[in-house]
Amino acid sequence: MPQSADREYLERRHRQSLERARAASDPAIARVHENFAGRYAAALAREASEEAKG
């Protein structure tokens, strides 16, 4: 998968996880989605770091 597709996928999943966390009525489910969002954010940061290296 091209890097731009990877980044788009991670950005989309990050955004969806945040939206699902906000929409969750159960705090435990919200935390699960927040955890996913954090993992997607970390993956995006790693990808950005790798792109910056060349």
PDB file of N, CA and C in Angstrom:
ATOM      1  N   MET A   1       0.855  -1.174   0.000  1.00  0.00           N
ATOM      2  CA  MET A   1       0.000   0.000   0.000  1.00  0.00           C
ATOM      3  C   MET A   1       0.899   1.233   0.000  1.00  0.00           C
ATOM      4  N   PRO A   2       0.630   2.193  -0.898  1.00  0.00           N
ATOM      5  CA  PRO A   2       1.449   3.416  -0.915  1.00  0.00           C
ATOM      6  C   PRO A   2       1.363   4.168   0.405  1.00  0.00           C
ATOM      7  N   GLN A   3       2.409   4.925   0.684  1.00  0.00           N
ATOM      8  CA  GLN A   3       2.453   5.645   1.966  1.00  0.00           C
ATOM      9  C   GLN A   3       1.284   6.595   2.132  1.00  0.00           C
ATOM     10  N   SER A   4       0.878   7.272   1.059  1.00  0.00           N
ATOM     11  CA  SER A   4      -0.244   8.211   1.191  1.00  0.00           C
ATOM     12  C   SER A   4      -1.528   7.468   1.554  1.00  0.00           C
ATOM     13  N   ALA A   5      -1.706   6.256   1.016  1.00  0.00           N
ATOM     14  CA  ALA A   5      -2.890   5.462   1.364  1.00  0.00           C
ATOM     15  C   ALA A   5      -2.826   5.024   2.815  1.00  0.00           C
ATOM     16  N   ASP A   6      -1.626   4.651   3.281  1.00  0.00           N
ATOM     17  CA  ASP A   6      -1.453   4.292   4.688  1.00  0.00           C
ATOM     18  C   ASP A   6      -1.831   5.473   5.587  1.00  0.00           C
ATOM     19  N   ARG A   7      -1.304   6.632   5.252  1.00  0.00           N
ATOM     20  CA  ARG A   7      -1.568   7.820   6.065  1.00  0.00           C
ATOM     21  C   ARG A   7      -3.062   8.149   6.055  1.00  0.00           C
ATOM     22  N   GLU A   8      -3.688   8.081   4.877  1.00  0.00           N
ATOM     23  CA  GLU A   8      -5.118   8.372   4.784  1.00  0.00           C
ATOM     24  C   GLU A   8      -5.931   7.382   5.626  1.00  0.00           C
ATOM     25  N   TYR A   9      -5.544   6.118   5.577  1.00  0.00           N
ATOM     26  CA  TYR A   9      -6.227   5.099   6.377  1.00  0.00           C
ATOM     27  C   TYR A   9      -6.087   5.414   7.866  1.00  0.00           C
ATOM     28  N   LEU A  10      -4.865   5.709   8.305  1.00  0.00           N
ATOM     29  CA  LEU A  10      -4.629   5.995   9.722  1.00  0.00           C
ATOM     30  C   LEU A  10      -5.374   7.249  10.160  1.00  0.00           C
ATOM     31  N   GLU A  11      -5.366   8.280   9.311  1.00  0.00           N
ATOM     32  CA  GLU A  11      -6.089   9.513   9.641  1.00  0.00           C
ATOM     33  C   GLU A  11      -7.586   9.255   9.755  1.00  0.00           C
ATOM     34  N   ARG A  12      -8.115   8.471   8.809  1.00  0.00           N
ATOM     35  CA  ARG A  12      -9.543   8.163   8.835  1.00  0.00           C
ATOM     36  C   ARG A  12      -9.915   7.367  10.076  1.00  0.00           C
ATOM     37  N   ARG A  13      -9.127   6.336  10.402  1.00  0.00           N
ATOM     38  CA  ARG A  13      -9.419   5.510  11.576  1.00  0.00           C
ATOM     39  C   ARG A  13      -9.259   6.317  12.870  1.00  0.00           C
ATOM     40  N   HIS A  14      -8.284   7.209  12.918  1.00  0.00           N
ATOM     41  CA  HIS A  14      -8.097   8.066  14.091  1.00  0.00           C
ATOM     42  C   HIS A  14      -9.334   8.936  14.295  1.00  0.00           C
ATOM     43  N   ARG A  15      -9.768   9.580  13.211  1.00  0.00           N
ATOM     44  CA  ARG A  15     -10.949  10.445  13.282  1.00  0.00           C
ATOM     45  C   ARG A  15     -12.189   9.646  13.689  1.00  0.00           C
ATOM     46  N   GLN A  16     -12.383   8.462  13.098  1.00  0.00           N
ATOM     47  CA  GLN A  16     -13.538   7.635  13.442  1.00  0.00           C
ATOM     48  C   GLN A  16     -13.501   7.195  14.904  1.00  0.00           C
ATOM     49  N   SER A  17     -12.327   6.863  15.390  1.00  0.00           N
ATOM     50  CA  SER A  17     -12.207   6.439  16.789  1.00  0.00           C
ATOM     51  C   SER A  17     -12.568   7.576  17.735  1.00  0.00           C
ATOM     52  N   LEU A  18     -12.102   8.786  17.417  1.00  0.00           N
ATOM     53  CA  LEU A  18     -12.454   9.941  18.250  1.00  0.00           C
ATOM     54  C   LEU A  18     -13.957  10.191  18.231  1.00  0.00           C
ATOM     55  N   GLU A  19     -14.559  10.094  17.040  1.00  0.00           N
ATOM     56  CA  GLU A  19     -16.001  10.307  16.921  1.00  0.00           C
ATOM     57  C   GLU A  19     -16.777   9.256  17.718  1.00  0.00           C
ATOM     58  N   ARG A  20     -16.335   8.017  17.636  1.00  0.00           N
ATOM     59  CA  ARG A  20     -17.017   6.940  18.366  1.00  0.00           C
ATOM     60  C   ARG A  20     -16.840   7.107  19.870  1.00  0.00           C
ATOM     61  N   ALA A  21     -15.687   7.595  20.281  1.00  0.00           N
ATOM     62  CA  ALA A  21     -15.470   7.834  21.711  1.00  0.00           C
ATOM     63  C   ALA A  21     -16.434   8.904  22.217  1.00  0.00           C
ATOM     64  N   ARG A  22     -16.591   9.966  21.443  1.00  0.00           N
ATOM     65  CA  ARG A  22     -17.507  11.042  21.845  1.00  0.00           C
ATOM     66  C   ARG A  22     -18.957  10.568  21.861  1.00  0.00           C
ATOM     67  N   ALA A  23     -19.298   9.680  20.930  1.00  0.00           N
ATOM     68  CA  ALA A  23     -20.688   9.227  20.802  1.00  0.00           C
ATOM     69  C   ALA A  23     -21.052   8.117  21.788  1.00  0.00           C
ATOM     70  N   ALA A  24     -20.073   7.478  22.375  1.00  0.00           N
ATOM     71  CA  ALA A  24     -20.347   6.333  23.259  1.00  0.00           C
ATOM     72  C   ALA A  24     -21.071   6.792  24.523  1.00  0.00           C
ATOM     73  N   SER A  25     -22.102   6.065  24.870  1.00  0.00           N
ATOM     74  CA  SER A  25     -22.826   6.394  26.102  1.00  0.00           C
ATOM     75  C   SER A  25     -22.207   5.695  27.309  1.00  0.00           C
ATOM     76  N   ASP A  26     -21.468   4.645  27.073  1.00  0.00           N
ATOM     77  CA  ASP A  26     -20.803   3.895  28.140  1.00  0.00           C
ATOM     78  C   ASP A  26     -19.357   4.375  28.255  1.00  0.00           C
ATOM     79  N   PRO A  27     -18.948   4.868  29.417  1.00  0.00           N
ATOM     80  CA  PRO A  27     -17.579   5.374  29.573  1.00  0.00           C
ATOM     81  C   PRO A  27     -16.497   4.331  29.253  1.00  0.00           C
ATOM     82  N   ALA A  28     -16.771   3.071  29.521  1.00  0.00           N
ATOM     83  CA  ALA A  28     -15.780   2.027  29.214  1.00  0.00           C
ATOM     84  C   ALA A  28     -15.581   1.897  27.708  1.00  0.00           C
ATOM     85  N   ILE A  29     -16.658   1.981  26.965  1.00  0.00           N
ATOM     86  CA  ILE A  29     -16.570   1.898  25.503  1.00  0.00           C
ATOM     87  C   ILE A  29     -15.865   3.141  24.965  1.00  0.00           C
ATOM     88  N   ALA A  30     -16.144   4.285  25.558  1.00  0.00           N
ATOM     89  CA  ALA A  30     -15.466   5.522  25.142  1.00  0.00           C
ATOM     90  C   ALA A  30     -13.961   5.378  25.341  1.00  0.00           C
ATOM     91  N   ARG A  31     -13.545   4.789  26.452  1.00  0.00           N
ATOM     92  CA  ARG A  31     -12.110   4.596  26.703  1.00  0.00           C
ATOM     93  C   ARG A  31     -11.474   3.671  25.686  1.00  0.00           C
ATOM     94  N   VAL A  32     -12.204   2.641  25.285  1.00  0.00           N
ATOM     95  CA  VAL A  32     -11.680   1.727  24.260  1.00  0.00           C
ATOM     96  C   VAL A  32     -11.415   2.497  22.969  1.00  0.00           C
ATOM     97  N   HIS A  33     -12.373   3.303  22.557  1.00  0.00           N
ATOM     98  CA  HIS A  33     -12.203   4.081  21.324  1.00  0.00           C
ATOM     99  C   HIS A  33     -11.105   5.137  21.486  1.00  0.00           C
ATOM    100  N   GLU A  34     -10.993   5.730  22.656  1.00  0.00           N
ATOM    101  CA  GLU A  34      -9.908   6.694  22.903  1.00  0.00           C
ATOM    102  C   GLU A  34      -8.553   5.996  22.812  1.00  0.00           C
ATOM    103  N   ASN A  35      -8.491   4.768  23.306  1.00  0.00           N
ATOM    104  CA  ASN A  35      -7.256   3.991  23.225  1.00  0.00           C
ATOM    105  C   ASN A  35      -6.897   3.729  21.759  1.00  0.00           C
ATOM    106  N   PHE A  36      -7.886   3.319  20.967  1.00  0.00           N
ATOM    107  CA  PHE A  36      -7.645   3.117  19.541  1.00  0.00           C
ATOM    108  C   PHE A  36      -7.160   4.413  18.899  1.00  0.00           C
ATOM    109  N   ALA A  37      -7.807   5.524  19.217  1.00  0.00           N
ATOM    110  CA  ALA A  37      -7.416   6.813  18.641  1.00  0.00           C
ATOM    111  C   ALA A  37      -5.969   7.141  18.996  1.00  0.00           C
ATOM    112  N   GLY A  38      -5.584   6.871  20.217  1.00  0.00           N
ATOM    113  CA  GLY A  38      -4.203   7.112  20.631  1.00  0.00           C
ATOM    114  C   GLY A  38      -3.210   6.260  19.865  1.00  0.00           C
ATOM    115  N   ARG A  39      -3.584   5.021  19.610  1.00  0.00           N
ATOM    116  CA  ARG A  39      -2.695   4.134  18.842  1.00  0.00           C
ATOM    117  C   ARG A  39      -2.575   4.603  17.397  1.00  0.00           C
ATOM    118  N   TYR A  40      -3.685   5.048  16.815  1.00  0.00           N
ATOM    119  CA  TYR A  40      -3.625   5.576  15.452  1.00  0.00           C
ATOM    120  C   TYR A  40      -2.793   6.855  15.415  1.00  0.00           C
ATOM    121  N   ALA A  41      -2.922   7.703  16.424  1.00  0.00           N
ATOM    122  CA  ALA A  41      -2.118   8.930  16.480  1.00  0.00           C
ATOM    123  C   ALA A  41      -0.631   8.596  16.576  1.00  0.00           C
ATOM    124  N   ALA A  42      -0.296   7.598  17.364  1.00  0.00           N
ATOM    125  CA  ALA A  42       1.102   7.188  17.489  1.00  0.00           C
ATOM    126  C   ALA A  42       1.626   6.645  16.165  1.00  0.00           C
ATOM    127  N   ALA A  43       0.805   5.868  15.474  1.00  0.00           N
ATOM    128  CA  ALA A  43       1.212   5.336  14.174  1.00  0.00           C
ATOM    129  C   ALA A  43       1.413   6.463  13.169  1.00  0.00           C
ATOM    130  N   LEU A  44       0.546   7.472  13.209  1.00  0.00           N
ATOM    131  CA  LEU A  44       0.712   8.628  12.328  1.00  0.00           C
ATOM    132  C   LEU A  44       2.003   9.374  12.637  1.00  0.00           C
ATOM    133  N   ALA A  45       2.312   9.518  13.916  1.00  0.00           N
ATOM    134  CA  ALA A  45       3.545  10.201  14.313  1.00  0.00           C
ATOM    135  C   ALA A  45       4.768   9.422  13.840  1.00  0.00           C
ATOM    136  N   ARG A  46       4.738   8.105  13.976  1.00  0.00           N
ATOM    137  CA  ARG A  46       5.847   7.267  13.500  1.00  0.00           C
ATOM    138  C   ARG A  46       6.024   7.419  11.991  1.00  0.00           C
ATOM    139  N   GLU A  47       4.916   7.400  11.272  1.00  0.00           N
ATOM    140  CA  GLU A  47       4.975   7.527   9.807  1.00  0.00           C
ATOM    141  C   GLU A  47       5.549   8.882   9.424  1.00  0.00           C
ATOM    142  N   ALA A  48       5.121   9.934  10.096  1.00  0.00           N
ATOM    143  CA  ALA A  48       5.636  11.278   9.803  1.00  0.00           C
ATOM    144  C   ALA A  48       7.130  11.357  10.078  1.00  0.00           C
ATOM    145  N   SER A  49       7.561  10.716  11.153  1.00  0.00           N
ATOM    146  CA  SER A  49       8.972  10.704  11.505  1.00  0.00           C
ATOM    147  C   SER A  49       9.790   9.969  10.439  1.00  0.00           C
ATOM    148  N   GLU A  50       9.266   8.844   9.967  1.00  0.00           N
ATOM    149  CA  GLU A  50       9.953   8.090   8.925  1.00  0.00           C
ATOM    150  C   GLU A  50      10.024   8.862   7.624  1.00  0.00           C
ATOM    151  N   GLU A  51       8.954   9.580   7.284  1.00  0.00           N
ATOM    152  CA  GLU A  51       8.951  10.398   6.063  1.00  0.00           C
ATOM    153  C   GLU A  51       9.965  11.531   6.171  1.00  0.00           C
ATOM    154  N   ALA A  52      10.105  12.106   7.350  1.00  0.00           N
ATOM    155  CA  ALA A  52      11.045  13.205   7.546  1.00  0.00           C
ATOM    156  C   ALA A  52      12.488  12.733   7.394  1.00  0.00           C
ATOM    157  N   LYS A  53      12.733  11.478   7.754  1.00  0.00           N
ATOM    158  CA  LYS A  53      14.096  10.929   7.637  1.00  0.00           C
ATOM    159  C   LYS A  53      14.488  10.695   6.181  1.00  0.00           C
ATOM    160  N   GLY A  54      13.489  10.523   5.337  1.00  0.00           N
ATOM    161  CA  GLY A  54      13.817  10.376   3.927  1.00  0.00           C
ATOM    162  C   GLY A  54      13.333   9.149   3.368  1.00  0.00           C
TER     163      GLY A  54
END
